[in-house]
Amino acid sequence: MDAVISNFDEYLKAFGLTIGLFVVSGIASLVFGTILAVLRVGPVSILNKAAALYVTLFRNTPLLMIFVFIFIAMPVLGYNFKVVENVEIAGYNVSAFFFRACLALTLYTAAFVCEAMRSGVNAVPLGQAEAGRAIGLTFSQSMTLVILPQATRAVIPPMTSVMIALAKNTSIAAAFGLAEATATMRAFTNNNADQRIGIFLAFAIGYIIVVEVISLSSYLVERKVRVAR
């Protein structure tokens, strides 16, 4: 692992970018996916069908194709992300490639978040929604005050799986000019072919640590919010 040790700053920077992609895309997909789930169970038929169509389309489309569309097709169509190009965040110069990758990951992951959240909403007894309507709550009030807080408890395990998949899916950004962990690993192995096994192990350990942190965080949150029986 001499190549990794001697370039440990690049190793950390690569995983920093991977974590950045995960955090931004994760937050955005949780928000967008929850909105889609609310639309799917809502009373407005056209919004329900639109959300269902979105989920069907993006859940059955390979993530690589979404990346290709956003990185290659969208600029041809005139969407160049010039507004967010070379933005400085916390002292780091973030290119438009980062935002494109986050958009692709968010659009894809939100479909899975939607289905996980919808399963949680369906797990809440129907009487809860009826009780909300009985005391005069609107649909949006019932969802935000009664249904979603209970549904969130039920979806923590499946949502954890979605977030773990997202963390690993960030590796696709390596093929589109982002020097995240997988791209850096490839560069290390190209320059140090005799140390491939050690390099693979070092980056595999890095990914395992990221996934274990997600799993541990999920476990702690689940313990905190679960209802005593």
Protein backbone atom coordinates (compact mmCIF):
# COMPACT_ATOMS: atom_id res chain seq x y z
CA MET A 1 0.00 0.00 0.00
CA ASP A 2 2.99 2.32 -0.46
CA ALA A 3 1.21 4.16 -3.28
CA VAL A 4 -1.75 4.93 -1.02
CA ILE A 5 0.38 5.88 1.99
CA SER A 6 2.60 8.23 -0.03
CA ASN A 7 -0.47 9.87 -1.58
CA PHE A 8 -2.73 9.70 1.44
CA ASP A 9 -3.89 13.30 0.99
CA GLU A 10 -5.28 12.39 -2.45
CA TYR A 11 -6.89 9.30 -0.93
CA LEU A 12 -8.67 11.39 1.68
CA LYS A 13 -9.64 14.04 -0.88
CA ALA A 14 -11.15 11.34 -3.12
CA PHE A 15 -13.29 9.95 -0.32
CA GLY A 16 -14.16 13.49 0.69
CA LEU A 17 -15.64 14.01 -2.77
CA THR A 18 -17.45 10.66 -2.56
CA ILE A 19 -18.95 11.66 0.79
CA GLY A 20 -19.87 15.08 -0.61
CA LEU A 21 -21.74 13.44 -3.50
CA PHE A 22 -23.48 11.13 -1.05
CA VAL A 23 -24.51 13.85 1.41
CA VAL A 24 -25.84 16.33 -1.16
CA SER A 25 -27.61 13.66 -3.22
CA GLY A 26 -28.89 11.90 -0.11
CA ILE A 27 -30.51 15.00 1.36
CA ALA A 28 -31.98 16.05 -1.99
CA SER A 29 -33.33 12.57 -2.75
CA LEU A 30 -34.89 12.24 0.72
CA VAL A 31 -36.74 15.54 0.27
CA PHE A 32 -37.77 14.92 -3.34
CA GLY A 33 -38.62 11.26 -2.70
CA THR A 34 -40.83 12.15 0.27
CA ILE A 35 -42.69 14.71 -1.84
CA LEU A 36 -43.23 12.06 -4.52
CA ALA A 37 -44.52 9.62 -1.89
CA VAL A 38 -47.02 12.19 -0.61
CA LEU A 39 -48.21 12.77 -4.18
CA ARG A 40 -48.56 9.03 -4.74
CA VAL A 41 -50.87 8.58 -1.76
CA GLY A 42 -52.61 11.95 -2.19
CA PRO A 43 -56.17 12.59 -3.33
CA VAL A 44 -55.26 14.41 -6.57
CA SER A 45 -55.44 11.79 -9.31
CA ILE A 46 -53.28 13.57 -11.90
CA LEU A 47 -50.46 14.16 -9.40
CA ASN A 48 -50.74 10.57 -8.20
CA LYS A 49 -50.34 9.27 -11.76
CA ALA A 50 -47.51 11.70 -12.54
CA ALA A 51 -45.56 10.57 -9.46
CA ALA A 52 -46.21 6.90 -10.33
CA LEU A 53 -44.96 7.52 -13.88
CA TYR A 54 -41.82 9.19 -12.56
CA VAL A 55 -41.08 6.28 -10.23
CA THR A 56 -41.66 3.73 -12.98
CA LEU A 57 -39.46 5.62 -15.42
CA PHE A 58 -36.48 6.30 -13.17
CA ARG A 59 -36.56 3.09 -11.15
CA ASN A 60 -36.38 1.04 -14.35
CA THR A 61 -33.75 3.17 -16.08
CA PRO A 62 -30.08 2.26 -15.48
CA LEU A 63 -28.27 4.95 -13.50
CA LEU A 64 -25.53 5.05 -16.12
CA MET A 65 -28.07 6.13 -18.76
CA ILE A 66 -29.22 8.97 -16.49
CA PHE A 67 -25.61 10.10 -16.11
CA VAL A 68 -25.10 9.96 -19.88
CA PHE A 69 -28.23 12.06 -20.46
CA ILE A 70 -27.27 14.73 -17.92
CA PHE A 71 -23.57 14.93 -18.82
CA ILE A 72 -23.83 14.54 -22.60
CA ALA A 73 -27.39 15.13 -23.84
CA MET A 74 -28.34 18.09 -21.65
CA PRO A 75 -25.39 20.29 -22.75
CA VAL A 76 -26.31 19.52 -26.38
CA LEU A 77 -29.85 20.66 -25.59
CA GLY A 78 -28.50 23.92 -24.17
CA TYR A 79 -28.39 23.15 -20.44
CA ASN A 80 -24.74 23.77 -19.53
CA PHE A 81 -25.04 24.38 -15.76
CA LYS A 82 -23.14 27.65 -16.20
CA VAL A 83 -24.99 29.14 -13.23
CA VAL A 84 -23.38 26.67 -10.82
CA GLU A 85 -20.06 26.22 -12.59
CA ASN A 86 -16.96 26.67 -10.42
CA VAL A 87 -18.82 27.57 -7.22
CA GLU A 88 -16.67 27.88 -4.11
CA ILE A 89 -18.06 26.00 -1.10
CA ALA A 90 -16.20 25.97 2.24
CA GLY A 91 -13.02 26.97 0.49
CA TYR A 92 -13.29 24.28 -2.21
CA ASN A 93 -13.85 25.05 -5.86
CA VAL A 94 -16.76 22.83 -6.92
CA SER A 95 -17.19 22.31 -10.65
CA ALA A 96 -20.44 21.93 -12.56
CA PHE A 97 -19.58 18.22 -12.91
CA PHE A 98 -20.28 17.82 -9.19
CA PHE A 99 -23.76 19.31 -9.52
CA ARG A 100 -24.50 17.22 -12.61
CA ALA A 101 -23.52 14.06 -10.75
CA CYS A 102 -25.66 15.07 -7.76
CA LEU A 103 -28.62 15.70 -10.07
CA ALA A 104 -28.28 12.27 -11.69
CA LEU A 105 -27.96 10.51 -8.34
CA THR A 106 -30.88 12.46 -6.88
CA LEU A 107 -33.26 11.79 -9.76
CA TYR A 108 -32.49 8.07 -9.60
CA THR A 109 -32.45 7.60 -5.83
CA ALA A 110 -35.61 9.66 -5.22
CA ALA A 111 -37.66 6.98 -6.99
CA PHE A 112 -36.49 4.37 -4.47
CA VAL A 113 -36.95 6.75 -1.55
CA CYS A 114 -40.51 7.37 -2.75
CA GLU A 115 -41.39 3.67 -2.74
CA ALA A 116 -39.78 3.09 0.65
CA MET A 117 -41.64 6.05 2.14
CA ARG A 118 -44.90 5.01 0.49
CA SER A 119 -44.61 1.57 2.08
CA GLY A 120 -44.20 3.29 5.44
CA VAL A 121 -47.26 5.47 4.86
CA ASN A 122 -49.30 2.39 3.93
CA ALA A 123 -48.11 0.68 7.12
CA VAL A 124 -49.73 3.37 9.28
CA PRO A 125 -53.22 2.24 10.33
CA LEU A 126 -55.99 3.87 8.32
CA GLY A 127 -57.64 4.98 11.54
CA GLN A 128 -54.83 7.49 12.08
CA ALA A 129 -55.75 9.41 8.93
CA GLU A 130 -59.45 9.14 9.73
CA ALA A 131 -58.82 10.50 13.22
CA GLY A 132 -56.94 13.43 11.70
CA ARG A 133 -59.83 14.23 9.38
CA ALA A 134 -62.27 13.87 12.28
CA ILE A 135 -60.59 16.69 14.19
CA GLY A 136 -60.54 18.93 11.12
CA LEU A 137 -57.01 18.42 9.78
CA THR A 138 -56.45 18.88 6.06
CA PHE A 139 -54.68 16.23 4.00
CA SER A 140 -51.35 18.08 4.18
CA GLN A 141 -51.70 18.60 7.93
CA SER A 142 -52.57 14.94 8.49
CA MET A 143 -49.52 13.87 6.46
CA THR A 144 -47.02 16.19 8.16
CA LEU A 145 -48.37 15.94 11.72
CA VAL A 146 -49.77 12.40 11.94
CA ILE A 147 -48.80 10.04 9.10
CA LEU A 148 -45.22 10.91 8.09
CA PRO A 149 -43.80 10.93 11.65
CA GLN A 150 -45.11 7.38 12.15
CA ALA A 151 -44.15 6.25 8.65
CA THR A 152 -40.59 7.47 9.12
CA ARG A 153 -40.07 5.04 12.00
CA ALA A 154 -41.16 2.13 9.82
CA VAL A 155 -38.97 2.99 6.83
CA ILE A 156 -35.61 3.44 8.54
CA PRO A 157 -34.31 -0.08 7.64
CA PRO A 158 -35.32 0.03 3.94
CA MET A 159 -34.20 3.65 3.69
CA THR A 160 -30.81 2.62 5.04
CA SER A 161 -30.49 0.13 2.20
CA VAL A 162 -31.35 2.89 -0.28
CA MET A 163 -28.70 5.20 1.22
CA ILE A 164 -26.06 2.45 1.17
CA ALA A 165 -26.84 1.83 -2.49
CA LEU A 166 -26.50 5.57 -3.12
CA ALA A 167 -23.07 5.64 -1.46
CA LYS A 168 -21.89 2.88 -3.78
CA ASN A 169 -23.59 4.41 -6.83
CA THR A 170 -21.41 7.51 -6.48
CA SER A 171 -18.66 5.42 -8.10
CA ILE A 172 -20.36 5.89 -11.50
CA ALA A 173 -19.28 9.54 -11.37
CA ALA A 174 -15.72 8.26 -11.95
CA ALA A 175 -16.58 7.76 -15.61
CA PHE A 176 -17.61 11.40 -16.02
CA GLY A 177 -14.58 13.39 -14.91
CA LEU A 178 -14.98 13.44 -11.12
CA ALA A 179 -11.94 12.36 -9.12
CA GLU A 180 -13.90 10.53 -6.42
CA ALA A 181 -12.73 7.32 -4.75
CA THR A 182 -13.17 4.93 -7.70
CA ALA A 183 -11.54 7.31 -10.19
CA THR A 184 -8.60 7.87 -7.83
CA MET A 185 -8.24 4.12 -7.29
CA ARG A 186 -8.06 3.63 -11.05
CA ALA A 187 -5.40 6.35 -11.32
CA PHE A 188 -3.37 4.76 -8.52
CA THR A 189 -3.50 1.31 -10.14
CA ASN A 190 -2.54 2.72 -13.55
CA ASN A 191 0.53 4.37 -12.04
CA ASN A 192 1.42 1.50 -9.68
CA ALA A 193 0.45 -1.72 -11.44
CA ASP A 194 2.62 -3.81 -9.10
CA GLN A 195 0.60 -2.66 -6.07
CA ARG A 196 -2.92 -3.29 -7.38
CA ILE A 197 -4.01 -5.67 -4.63
CA GLY A 198 -2.93 -3.30 -1.87
CA ILE A 199 -4.61 -0.35 -3.60
CA PHE A 200 -7.84 -2.30 -4.08
CA LEU A 201 -7.82 -3.30 -0.41
CA ALA A 202 -7.20 0.27 0.74
CA PHE A 203 -10.10 1.66 -1.25
CA ALA A 204 -12.35 -1.28 -0.36
CA ILE A 205 -11.70 -0.55 3.31
CA GLY A 206 -12.60 3.09 2.69
CA TYR A 207 -15.94 2.13 1.15
CA ILE A 208 -16.61 -0.34 3.98
CA ILE A 209 -16.02 2.42 6.53
CA VAL A 210 -18.44 4.75 4.72
CA VAL A 211 -21.12 2.05 4.57
CA GLU A 212 -20.61 1.07 8.21
CA VAL A 213 -20.97 4.68 9.31
CA ILE A 214 -24.28 4.87 7.43
CA SER A 215 -25.44 1.60 9.00
CA LEU A 216 -24.41 2.69 12.49
CA SER A 217 -26.11 6.07 12.11
CA SER A 218 -29.28 4.31 10.98
CA TYR A 219 -29.15 1.95 13.95
CA LEU A 220 -28.76 4.84 16.40
CA VAL A 221 -31.61 6.78 14.82
CA GLU A 222 -33.83 3.69 14.84
CA ARG A 223 -33.13 3.12 18.53
CA LYS A 224 -33.90 6.74 19.32
CA VAL A 225 -37.24 6.96 17.50
CA ARG A 226 -38.64 3.47 17.98
CA VAL A 227 -41.76 3.15 20.09
CA ALA A 228 -41.45 1.21 23.33
CA ARG A 229 -43.55 -1.97 23.45
